[in-house]
Amino acid sequence: MVNLLAPPEDVSFLRTAHSIYRQHNKLTQAMTIAIRLHDLDLIEEDFEAAGEDRSMRKQLSFLVARQHICLESDDGEILECLSNSHLSDHYLALGKELNILEPKTPDDIYKSYLENARTGPGSGNMDSARHNLASTFVNAFVNAGFCKDTYMLVDDETKSWVYKNKDQGNSHSPTAVPPPLN
């Protein structure tokens, strides 16, 4: 449970940390430790310790729901948080609040326009197939949550990123790795 601690001591360490967090009314940190201990009684106690503070109860509900721990509540809004039924709506609201709903390109993420352009031998540029693969993954992970992908979700197939780069990285490429010999 705790790295570099022997098994009986790791649990006592976590329980001590949990009680310290509870004494200082740090319920989210206490809940995280209770979840790590897999102690349903502690989890319920931390949840009930939030009292009538709705925002704290919601935050604790999201922590518990993320770990697929079932708790009950009479409040419908808290129950929705406990069941993750509107998680994507909350995610989009957060994106709107942070002003990050517009799709980003890998160049926007890397801020490559700020780098000095070096060319020639030893410039450190990777081959185009690897660069395209890396850009695909970066673009997918950054834009997937908001369902606005500038590479894949285009109306015209001939303008799609896949169509434009379908021939790069094939086995006829000079930088392609040959198959292993048996």
N, C-alpha and C. Protein backbone atom coordinates (compact mmCIF):
# COMPACT_ATOMS: atom_id res chain seq x y z
N MET A 1 0.81 -1.20 0.00
CA MET A 1 0.00 0.00 0.00
C MET A 1 0.85 1.26 0.00
N VAL A 2 1.84 1.31 0.88
CA VAL A 2 2.74 2.45 0.92
C VAL A 2 4.11 1.95 0.48
N ASN A 3 4.68 2.62 -0.49
CA ASN A 3 5.98 2.20 -0.98
C ASN A 3 7.03 2.29 0.12
N LEU A 4 7.91 1.34 0.13
CA LEU A 4 9.06 1.28 1.03
C LEU A 4 8.71 1.08 2.49
N LEU A 5 7.50 0.65 2.81
CA LEU A 5 7.13 0.31 4.18
C LEU A 5 6.70 -1.15 4.22
N ALA A 6 7.07 -1.81 5.31
CA ALA A 6 6.71 -3.21 5.48
C ALA A 6 5.21 -3.33 5.71
N PRO A 7 4.60 -4.48 5.36
CA PRO A 7 3.15 -4.63 5.41
C PRO A 7 2.42 -4.24 6.70
N PRO A 8 2.83 -4.60 7.88
CA PRO A 8 1.99 -4.14 8.99
C PRO A 8 2.12 -2.64 9.25
N GLU A 9 3.27 -2.08 8.94
CA GLU A 9 3.49 -0.67 9.23
C GLU A 9 2.83 0.25 8.21
N ASP A 10 2.66 -0.22 6.99
CA ASP A 10 2.07 0.65 5.97
C ASP A 10 0.63 0.99 6.28
N VAL A 11 -0.12 0.02 6.79
CA VAL A 11 -1.52 0.27 7.14
C VAL A 11 -1.61 1.22 8.33
N SER A 12 -0.77 1.02 9.32
CA SER A 12 -0.80 1.92 10.49
C SER A 12 -0.38 3.33 10.09
N PHE A 13 0.56 3.44 9.15
CA PHE A 13 0.97 4.75 8.64
C PHE A 13 -0.21 5.45 7.96
N LEU A 14 -0.93 4.74 7.11
CA LEU A 14 -2.07 5.32 6.42
C LEU A 14 -3.19 5.69 7.38
N ARG A 15 -3.44 4.86 8.37
CA ARG A 15 -4.49 5.17 9.36
C ARG A 15 -4.11 6.41 10.17
N THR A 16 -2.83 6.55 10.50
CA THR A 16 -2.38 7.74 11.22
C THR A 16 -2.54 8.99 10.36
N ALA A 17 -2.15 8.89 9.11
CA ALA A 17 -2.30 10.03 8.19
C ALA A 17 -3.78 10.37 8.02
N HIS A 18 -4.63 9.35 7.94
CA HIS A 18 -6.07 9.58 7.83
C HIS A 18 -6.60 10.34 9.03
N SER A 19 -6.22 9.93 10.23
CA SER A 19 -6.72 10.61 11.43
C SER A 19 -6.20 12.05 11.51
N ILE A 20 -4.98 12.29 11.06
CA ILE A 20 -4.45 13.67 11.05
C ILE A 20 -5.25 14.53 10.08
N TYR A 21 -5.54 14.00 8.89
CA TYR A 21 -6.35 14.76 7.93
C TYR A 21 -7.74 15.04 8.49
N ARG A 22 -8.34 14.08 9.15
CA ARG A 22 -9.67 14.30 9.74
C ARG A 22 -9.62 15.35 10.85
N GLN A 23 -8.56 15.35 11.67
CA GLN A 23 -8.43 16.35 12.73
C GLN A 23 -8.35 17.76 12.16
N HIS A 24 -7.73 17.89 11.00
CA HIS A 24 -7.58 19.20 10.37
C HIS A 24 -8.67 19.47 9.33
N ASN A 25 -9.71 18.64 9.32
CA ASN A 25 -10.86 18.80 8.44
C ASN A 25 -10.48 18.83 6.95
N LYS A 26 -9.51 18.02 6.58
CA LYS A 26 -9.10 17.85 5.18
C LYS A 26 -9.77 16.58 4.67
N LEU A 27 -11.04 16.71 4.34
CA LEU A 27 -11.84 15.52 4.04
C LEU A 27 -11.46 14.86 2.71
N THR A 28 -11.08 15.62 1.73
CA THR A 28 -10.73 14.99 0.45
C THR A 28 -9.47 14.15 0.59
N GLN A 29 -8.48 14.65 1.32
CA GLN A 29 -7.26 13.88 1.53
C GLN A 29 -7.56 12.65 2.40
N ALA A 30 -8.41 12.82 3.41
CA ALA A 30 -8.79 11.69 4.26
C ALA A 30 -9.55 10.64 3.44
N MET A 31 -10.43 11.09 2.56
CA MET A 31 -11.18 10.15 1.72
C MET A 31 -10.25 9.38 0.80
N THR A 32 -9.26 10.05 0.25
CA THR A 32 -8.30 9.38 -0.62
C THR A 32 -7.57 8.26 0.12
N ILE A 33 -7.20 8.53 1.34
CA ILE A 33 -6.52 7.50 2.13
C ILE A 33 -7.48 6.39 2.52
N ALA A 34 -8.71 6.73 2.87
CA ALA A 34 -9.70 5.70 3.21
C ALA A 34 -9.96 4.78 2.02
N ILE A 35 -9.99 5.36 0.83
CA ILE A 35 -10.16 4.55 -0.39
C ILE A 35 -8.94 3.65 -0.59
N ARG A 36 -7.77 4.20 -0.35
CA ARG A 36 -6.55 3.41 -0.50
C ARG A 36 -6.51 2.25 0.50
N LEU A 37 -7.08 2.45 1.68
CA LEU A 37 -7.15 1.40 2.69
C LEU A 37 -8.25 0.38 2.40
N HIS A 38 -9.12 0.68 1.47
CA HIS A 38 -10.27 -0.17 1.14
C HIS A 38 -11.15 -0.40 2.37
N ASP A 39 -11.32 0.65 3.16
CA ASP A 39 -12.10 0.56 4.40
C ASP A 39 -13.43 1.29 4.17
N LEU A 40 -14.48 0.51 3.93
CA LEU A 40 -15.78 1.10 3.63
C LEU A 40 -16.34 1.90 4.80
N ASP A 41 -16.07 1.47 6.03
CA ASP A 41 -16.54 2.22 7.19
C ASP A 41 -15.90 3.61 7.25
N LEU A 42 -14.59 3.69 7.01
CA LEU A 42 -13.91 4.99 6.99
C LEU A 42 -14.44 5.87 5.86
N ILE A 43 -14.69 5.26 4.72
CA ILE A 43 -15.21 6.01 3.58
C ILE A 43 -16.57 6.62 3.92
N GLU A 44 -17.44 5.83 4.51
CA GLU A 44 -18.76 6.34 4.90
C GLU A 44 -18.65 7.42 5.98
N GLU A 45 -17.74 7.24 6.94
CA GLU A 45 -17.55 8.26 7.98
C GLU A 45 -17.07 9.57 7.37
N ASP A 46 -16.12 9.50 6.45
CA ASP A 46 -15.63 10.72 5.80
C ASP A 46 -16.73 11.39 4.98
N PHE A 47 -17.53 10.58 4.32
CA PHE A 47 -18.63 11.13 3.53
C PHE A 47 -19.65 11.83 4.41
N GLU A 48 -19.99 11.22 5.54
CA GLU A 48 -20.94 11.82 6.46
C GLU A 48 -20.35 13.02 7.19
N ALA A 49 -19.02 13.08 7.33
CA ALA A 49 -18.38 14.20 8.01
C ALA A 49 -18.52 15.50 7.23
N ALA A 50 -18.83 15.41 5.96
CA ALA A 50 -19.03 16.62 5.16
C ALA A 50 -20.27 17.38 5.59
N GLY A 51 -21.18 16.70 6.26
CA GLY A 51 -22.37 17.37 6.77
C GLY A 51 -23.24 17.94 5.67
N GLU A 52 -23.58 19.21 5.80
CA GLU A 52 -24.46 19.87 4.85
C GLU A 52 -23.71 20.65 3.77
N ASP A 53 -22.39 20.55 3.75
CA ASP A 53 -21.58 21.23 2.75
C ASP A 53 -21.74 20.49 1.41
N ARG A 54 -22.61 21.02 0.54
CA ARG A 54 -22.96 20.33 -0.70
C ARG A 54 -21.76 20.21 -1.65
N SER A 55 -20.97 21.24 -1.75
CA SER A 55 -19.84 21.17 -2.67
C SER A 55 -18.82 20.12 -2.20
N MET A 56 -18.61 20.02 -0.90
CA MET A 56 -17.69 18.99 -0.39
C MET A 56 -18.28 17.61 -0.60
N ARG A 57 -19.57 17.46 -0.39
CA ARG A 57 -20.20 16.15 -0.61
C ARG A 57 -20.12 15.74 -2.09
N LYS A 58 -20.27 16.71 -2.98
CA LYS A 58 -20.14 16.41 -4.41
C LYS A 58 -18.72 15.98 -4.73
N GLN A 59 -17.73 16.70 -4.20
CA GLN A 59 -16.35 16.35 -4.47
C GLN A 59 -16.03 14.96 -3.94
N LEU A 60 -16.47 14.66 -2.73
CA LEU A 60 -16.25 13.33 -2.17
C LEU A 60 -16.99 12.27 -2.98
N SER A 61 -18.16 12.63 -3.48
CA SER A 61 -18.93 11.70 -4.31
C SER A 61 -18.18 11.34 -5.59
N PHE A 62 -17.56 12.33 -6.21
CA PHE A 62 -16.78 12.06 -7.42
C PHE A 62 -15.58 11.17 -7.11
N LEU A 63 -14.92 11.40 -5.96
CA LEU A 63 -13.80 10.55 -5.57
C LEU A 63 -14.23 9.09 -5.39
N VAL A 64 -15.35 8.91 -4.71
CA VAL A 64 -15.86 7.57 -4.43
C VAL A 64 -16.34 6.90 -5.73
N ALA A 65 -17.03 7.65 -6.55
CA ALA A 65 -17.58 7.11 -7.79
C ALA A 65 -16.46 6.69 -8.75
N ARG A 66 -15.36 7.41 -8.74
CA ARG A 66 -14.23 7.07 -9.61
C ARG A 66 -13.69 5.69 -9.30
N GLN A 67 -13.79 5.29 -8.04
CA GLN A 67 -13.29 3.98 -7.62
C GLN A 67 -14.38 2.91 -7.64
N HIS A 68 -15.55 3.25 -8.14
CA HIS A 68 -16.69 2.32 -8.25
C HIS A 68 -17.11 1.77 -6.89
N ILE A 69 -17.12 2.66 -5.90
CA ILE A 69 -17.58 2.30 -4.56
C ILE A 69 -19.01 2.79 -4.43
N CYS A 70 -19.90 1.92 -4.02
CA CYS A 70 -21.32 2.27 -3.93
C CYS A 70 -21.65 2.83 -2.55
N LEU A 71 -22.15 4.05 -2.55
CA LEU A 71 -22.70 4.67 -1.33
C LEU A 71 -24.11 5.11 -1.65
N GLU A 72 -24.89 5.33 -0.61
CA GLU A 72 -26.26 5.76 -0.82
C GLU A 72 -26.45 7.18 -0.32
N SER A 73 -27.39 7.86 -0.94
CA SER A 73 -27.72 9.22 -0.54
C SER A 73 -29.17 9.48 -0.89
N ASP A 74 -29.81 10.30 -0.08
CA ASP A 74 -31.20 10.69 -0.35
C ASP A 74 -31.27 11.88 -1.30
N ASP A 75 -30.19 12.61 -1.40
CA ASP A 75 -30.13 13.79 -2.26
C ASP A 75 -29.92 13.34 -3.71
N GLY A 76 -30.80 13.75 -4.60
CA GLY A 76 -30.73 13.34 -6.00
C GLY A 76 -29.48 13.83 -6.71
N GLU A 77 -29.06 15.06 -6.42
CA GLU A 77 -27.88 15.62 -7.08
C GLU A 77 -26.61 14.89 -6.62
N ILE A 78 -26.52 14.58 -5.35
CA ILE A 78 -25.38 13.83 -4.83
C ILE A 78 -25.39 12.41 -5.39
N LEU A 79 -26.58 11.84 -5.53
CA LEU A 79 -26.71 10.49 -6.09
C LEU A 79 -26.24 10.45 -7.54
N GLU A 80 -26.50 11.53 -8.30
CA GLU A 80 -26.01 11.62 -9.67
C GLU A 80 -24.48 11.65 -9.70
N CYS A 81 -23.87 12.36 -8.74
CA CYS A 81 -22.41 12.38 -8.67
C CYS A 81 -21.86 11.02 -8.28
N LEU A 82 -22.54 10.33 -7.36
CA LEU A 82 -22.10 9.01 -6.92
C LEU A 82 -22.19 7.97 -8.04
N SER A 83 -23.09 8.19 -8.99
CA SER A 83 -23.27 7.22 -10.07
C SER A 83 -22.55 7.62 -11.36
N ASN A 84 -21.88 8.77 -11.36
CA ASN A 84 -21.18 9.28 -12.55
C ASN A 84 -22.10 9.45 -13.74
N SER A 85 -23.37 9.73 -13.49
CA SER A 85 -24.32 9.81 -14.60
C SER A 85 -24.14 11.06 -15.45
N HIS A 86 -23.60 12.13 -14.91
CA HIS A 86 -23.41 13.36 -15.70
C HIS A 86 -21.93 13.76 -15.71
N LEU A 87 -21.05 12.80 -15.66
CA LEU A 87 -19.62 13.10 -15.60
C LEU A 87 -19.14 13.85 -16.84
N SER A 88 -19.61 13.46 -18.01
CA SER A 88 -19.16 14.15 -19.23
C SER A 88 -19.65 15.59 -19.26
N ASP A 89 -20.85 15.86 -18.74
CA ASP A 89 -21.35 17.23 -18.67
C ASP A 89 -20.47 18.09 -17.75
N HIS A 90 -20.07 17.51 -16.63
CA HIS A 90 -19.19 18.24 -15.70
C HIS A 90 -17.82 18.47 -16.33
N TYR A 91 -17.35 17.49 -17.10
CA TYR A 91 -16.06 17.62 -17.78
C TYR A 91 -16.11 18.76 -18.81
N LEU A 92 -17.19 18.82 -19.56
CA LEU A 92 -17.34 19.89 -20.55
C LEU A 92 -17.49 21.25 -19.87
N ALA A 93 -18.18 21.30 -18.73
CA ALA A 93 -18.31 22.55 -17.99
C ALA A 93 -16.95 23.02 -17.50
N LEU A 94 -16.12 22.09 -17.04
CA LEU A 94 -14.77 22.44 -16.62
C LEU A 94 -13.97 22.98 -17.80
N GLY A 95 -14.07 22.33 -18.95
CA GLY A 95 -13.38 22.80 -20.14
C GLY A 95 -13.81 24.20 -20.54
N LYS A 96 -15.10 24.48 -20.42
CA LYS A 96 -15.61 25.81 -20.73
C LYS A 96 -15.08 26.83 -19.73
N GLU A 97 -15.05 26.46 -18.46
CA GLU A 97 -14.55 27.35 -17.41
C GLU A 97 -13.07 27.67 -17.62
N LEU A 98 -12.30 26.68 -18.06
CA LEU A 98 -10.87 26.88 -18.30
C LEU A 98 -10.56 27.42 -19.69
N ASN A 99 -11.60 27.60 -20.51
CA ASN A 99 -11.48 28.12 -21.87
C ASN A 99 -10.56 27.25 -22.72
N ILE A 100 -10.81 25.94 -22.70
CA ILE A 100 -10.01 25.02 -23.49
C ILE A 100 -10.87 24.15 -24.40
N LEU A 101 -12.05 24.62 -24.74
CA LEU A 101 -12.95 23.84 -25.58
C LEU A 101 -12.54 23.84 -27.04
N GLU A 102 -11.82 24.85 -27.48
CA GLU A 102 -11.40 24.89 -28.88
C GLU A 102 -10.35 23.80 -29.11
N PRO A 103 -10.46 23.06 -30.21
CA PRO A 103 -9.49 21.99 -30.46
C PRO A 103 -8.08 22.56 -30.64
N LYS A 104 -7.13 21.85 -30.13
CA LYS A 104 -5.73 22.25 -30.21
C LYS A 104 -5.00 21.33 -31.19
N THR A 105 -4.05 21.90 -31.91
CA THR A 105 -3.20 21.10 -32.76
C THR A 105 -1.93 20.77 -31.97
N PRO A 106 -1.19 19.75 -32.38
CA PRO A 106 0.06 19.45 -31.68
C PRO A 106 1.02 20.63 -31.65
N ASP A 107 1.03 21.45 -32.70
CA ASP A 107 1.91 22.62 -32.70
C ASP A 107 1.50 23.61 -31.60
N ASP A 108 0.20 23.74 -31.36
CA ASP A 108 -0.27 24.60 -30.27
C ASP A 108 0.17 24.04 -28.92
N ILE A 109 0.13 22.73 -28.79
CA ILE A 109 0.49 22.09 -27.52
C ILE A 109 1.98 22.17 -27.28
N TYR A 110 2.76 21.83 -28.29
CA TYR A 110 4.22 21.85 -28.17
C TYR A 110 4.78 23.26 -28.17
N LYS A 111 4.01 24.21 -28.66
CA LYS A 111 4.47 25.59 -28.86
C LYS A 111 5.72 25.59 -29.75
N SER A 112 5.67 24.78 -30.80
CA SER A 112 6.83 24.62 -31.67
C SER A 112 7.15 25.89 -32.45
N TYR A 113 6.19 26.80 -32.57
CA TYR A 113 6.46 28.03 -33.27
C TYR A 113 7.41 28.93 -32.46
N LEU A 114 7.63 28.62 -31.18
CA LEU A 114 8.54 29.41 -30.36
C LEU A 114 9.99 28.89 -30.43
N GLU A 115 10.18 27.70 -30.97
CA GLU A 115 11.51 27.11 -31.04
C GLU A 115 12.30 27.71 -32.19
N ASN A 116 13.62 27.70 -32.03
CA ASN A 116 14.49 28.09 -33.14
C ASN A 116 14.51 26.96 -34.14
N ALA A 117 14.31 27.29 -35.39
CA ALA A 117 14.32 26.27 -36.44
C ALA A 117 15.75 25.95 -36.79
N ARG A 118 16.16 24.71 -36.51
CA ARG A 118 17.50 24.25 -36.85
C ARG A 118 17.37 23.21 -37.95
N THR A 119 18.17 23.32 -38.94
CA THR A 119 18.15 22.34 -40.02
C THR A 119 19.55 21.81 -40.23
N GLY A 120 19.63 20.75 -40.97
CA GLY A 120 20.92 20.17 -41.27
C GLY A 120 21.21 18.98 -40.38
N PRO A 121 22.41 18.41 -40.53
CA PRO A 121 22.75 17.23 -39.74
C PRO A 121 22.83 17.57 -38.26
N GLY A 122 22.36 16.66 -37.45
CA GLY A 122 22.40 16.85 -35.99
C GLY A 122 21.33 17.79 -35.47
N SER A 123 20.35 18.10 -36.28
CA SER A 123 19.32 19.03 -35.83
C SER A 123 18.35 18.39 -34.87
N GLY A 124 18.34 17.07 -34.80
CA GLY A 124 17.46 16.40 -33.86
C GLY A 124 16.05 16.19 -34.38
N ASN A 125 15.80 16.49 -35.64
CA ASN A 125 14.46 16.27 -36.19
C ASN A 125 14.22 14.78 -36.37
N MET A 126 13.08 14.32 -35.93
CA MET A 126 12.77 12.91 -36.11
C MET A 126 12.14 12.70 -37.49
N ASP A 127 12.17 11.49 -37.97
CA ASP A 127 11.61 11.24 -39.29
C ASP A 127 10.12 11.51 -39.29
N SER A 128 9.59 11.74 -40.45
CA SER A 128 8.21 12.19 -40.57
C SER A 128 7.20 11.16 -40.07
N ALA A 129 7.47 9.87 -40.26
CA ALA A 129 6.52 8.85 -39.81
C ALA A 129 6.38 8.86 -38.29
N ARG A 130 7.50 8.96 -37.59
CA ARG A 130 7.45 9.02 -36.13
C ARG A 130 6.81 10.31 -35.65
N HIS A 131 7.14 11.40 -36.32
CA HIS A 131 6.54 12.68 -35.96
C HIS A 131 5.02 12.64 -36.14
N ASN A 132 4.57 12.07 -37.26
CA ASN A 132 3.13 11.97 -37.51
C ASN A 132 2.45 11.08 -36.48
N LEU A 133 3.08 9.98 -36.11
CA LEU A 133 2.51 9.10 -35.10
C LEU A 133 2.41 9.81 -33.75
N ALA A 134 3.47 10.50 -33.37
CA ALA A 134 3.46 11.24 -32.10
C ALA A 134 2.39 12.32 -32.13
N SER A 135 2.27 13.03 -33.23
CA SER A 135 1.25 14.08 -33.36
C SER A 135 -0.15 13.51 -33.26
N THR A 136 -0.35 12.34 -33.83
CA THR A 136 -1.66 11.70 -33.77
C THR A 136 -2.05 11.39 -32.33
N PHE A 137 -1.13 10.81 -31.58
CA PHE A 137 -1.43 10.48 -30.19
C PHE A 137 -1.65 11.73 -29.35
N VAL A 138 -0.81 12.74 -29.52
CA VAL A 138 -0.98 13.98 -28.76
C VAL A 138 -2.33 14.61 -29.08
N ASN A 139 -2.66 14.69 -30.34
CA ASN A 139 -3.93 15.27 -30.75
C ASN A 139 -5.10 14.49 -30.19
N ALA A 140 -5.02 13.17 -30.24
CA ALA A 140 -6.12 12.33 -29.76
C ALA A 140 -6.33 12.50 -28.26
N PHE A 141 -5.25 12.48 -27.49
CA PHE A 141 -5.40 12.57 -26.04
C PHE A 141 -5.86 13.94 -25.59
N VAL A 142 -5.42 14.98 -26.27
CA VAL A 142 -5.80 16.33 -25.84
C VAL A 142 -7.24 16.66 -26.24
N ASN A 143 -7.65 16.26 -27.44
CA ASN A 143 -8.94 16.68 -27.96
C ASN A 143 -10.06 15.66 -27.80
N ALA A 144 -9.75 14.45 -27.40
CA ALA A 144 -10.77 13.40 -27.34
C ALA A 144 -11.88 13.71 -26.35
N GLY A 145 -11.53 14.27 -25.22
CA GLY A 145 -12.54 14.53 -24.20
C GLY A 145 -13.57 15.56 -24.61
N PHE A 146 -13.24 16.42 -25.55
CA PHE A 146 -14.15 17.47 -25.97
C PHE A 146 -14.81 17.17 -27.31
N CYS A 147 -14.52 16.01 -27.89
CA CYS A 147 -15.13 15.55 -29.14
C CYS A 147 -14.95 16.56 -30.27
N LYS A 148 -13.84 17.24 -30.28
CA LYS A 148 -13.53 18.19 -31.34
C LYS A 148 -12.11 17.95 -31.78
N ASP A 149 -11.95 17.09 -32.73
CA ASP A 149 -10.63 16.69 -33.19
C ASP A 149 -10.38 17.31 -34.55
N THR A 150 -9.29 18.05 -34.68
CA THR A 150 -8.99 18.71 -35.95
C THR A 150 -8.36 17.77 -36.96
N TYR A 151 -7.89 16.58 -36.53
CA TYR A 151 -7.28 15.64 -37.45
C TYR A 151 -8.29 14.65 -38.02
N MET A 152 -9.12 14.10 -37.19
CA MET A 152 -9.98 13.00 -37.61
C MET A 152 -11.40 13.42 -37.97
N LEU A 153 -11.95 14.38 -37.27
CA LEU A 153 -13.35 14.76 -37.47
C LEU A 153 -13.46 15.92 -38.45
N VAL A 154 -13.34 15.62 -39.71
CA VAL A 154 -13.49 16.62 -40.76
C VAL A 154 -14.59 16.16 -41.71
N ASP A 155 -15.23 17.11 -42.36
CA ASP A 155 -16.34 16.78 -43.26
C ASP A 155 -15.86 16.15 -44.57
N ASP A 156 -14.81 16.69 -45.13
CA ASP A 156 -14.31 16.21 -46.41
C ASP A 156 -13.19 15.19 -46.16
N GLU A 157 -13.38 13.96 -46.63
CA GLU A 157 -12.41 12.89 -46.37
C GLU A 157 -11.05 13.20 -46.98
N THR A 158 -11.02 13.91 -48.12
CA THR A 158 -9.75 14.21 -48.76
C THR A 158 -8.95 15.25 -47.99
N LYS A 159 -9.57 15.94 -47.05
CA LYS A 159 -8.86 16.90 -46.21
C LYS A 159 -8.48 16.31 -44.86
N SER A 160 -8.84 15.07 -44.65
CA SER A 160 -8.54 14.45 -43.35
C SER A 160 -7.05 14.18 -43.23
N TRP A 161 -6.59 14.16 -42.02
CA TRP A 161 -5.19 13.93 -41.73
C TRP A 161 -4.77 12.52 -42.16
N VAL A 162 -5.63 11.56 -41.95
CA VAL A 162 -5.32 10.18 -42.32
C VAL A 162 -5.13 10.07 -43.83
N TYR A 163 -6.01 10.69 -44.59
CA TYR A 163 -5.93 10.63 -46.05
C TYR A 163 -4.64 11.28 -46.54
N LYS A 164 -4.28 12.40 -45.95
CA LYS A 164 -3.08 13.12 -46.39
C LYS A 164 -1.80 12.35 -46.07
N ASN A 165 -1.80 11.58 -44.99
CA ASN A 165 -0.58 10.91 -44.54
C ASN A 165 -0.62 9.40 -44.66
N LYS A 166 -1.52 8.87 -45.46
CA LYS A 166 -1.69 7.42 -45.53
C LYS A 166 -0.48 6.70 -46.12
N ASP A 167 0.29 7.37 -46.96
CA ASP A 167 1.42 6.71 -47.60
C ASP A 167 2.71 6.84 -46.80
N GLN A 168 2.74 7.67 -45.79
CA GLN A 168 3.96 7.83 -45.00
C GLN A 168 4.10 6.69 -44.01
N GLY A 169 5.34 6.28 -43.78
CA GLY A 169 5.60 5.24 -42.79
C GLY A 169 5.33 3.83 -43.26
N ASN A 170 5.10 3.65 -44.57
CA ASN A 170 4.86 2.30 -45.08
C ASN A 170 6.19 1.55 -45.19
N SER A 171 6.12 0.31 -45.56
CA SER A 171 7.32 -0.52 -45.61
C SER A 171 8.30 -0.10 -46.71
N HIS A 172 7.87 0.75 -47.64
CA HIS A 172 8.76 1.20 -48.70
C HIS A 172 9.50 2.47 -48.32
N SER A 173 9.25 2.95 -47.13
CA SER A 173 9.91 4.17 -46.67
C SER A 173 11.38 3.87 -46.39
N PRO A 174 12.30 4.80 -46.72
CA PRO A 174 13.73 4.54 -46.47
C PRO A 174 14.06 4.44 -44.99
N THR A 175 13.23 4.97 -44.12
CA THR A 175 13.51 4.91 -42.68
C THR A 175 12.77 3.77 -41.99
N ALA A 176 12.06 2.96 -42.78
CA ALA A 176 11.32 1.86 -42.16
C ALA A 176 12.28 0.80 -41.64
N VAL A 177 11.93 0.21 -40.55
CA VAL A 177 12.74 -0.83 -39.94
C VAL A 177 12.44 -2.14 -40.63
N PRO A 178 13.49 -2.87 -41.06
CA PRO A 178 13.22 -4.14 -41.73
C PRO A 178 12.69 -5.17 -40.76
N PRO A 179 11.95 -6.15 -41.23
CA PRO A 179 11.41 -7.17 -40.33
C PRO A 179 12.55 -8.01 -39.73
N PRO A 180 12.34 -8.53 -38.51
CA PRO A 180 13.41 -9.32 -37.89
C PRO A 180 13.63 -10.63 -38.63
N LEU A 181 14.88 -11.08 -38.62
CA LEU A 181 15.22 -12.34 -39.25
C LEU A 181 15.05 -13.48 -38.27
N ASN A 182 14.53 -14.58 -38.73
CA ASN A 182 14.34 -15.75 -37.84
C ASN A 182 15.46 -16.73 -37.98
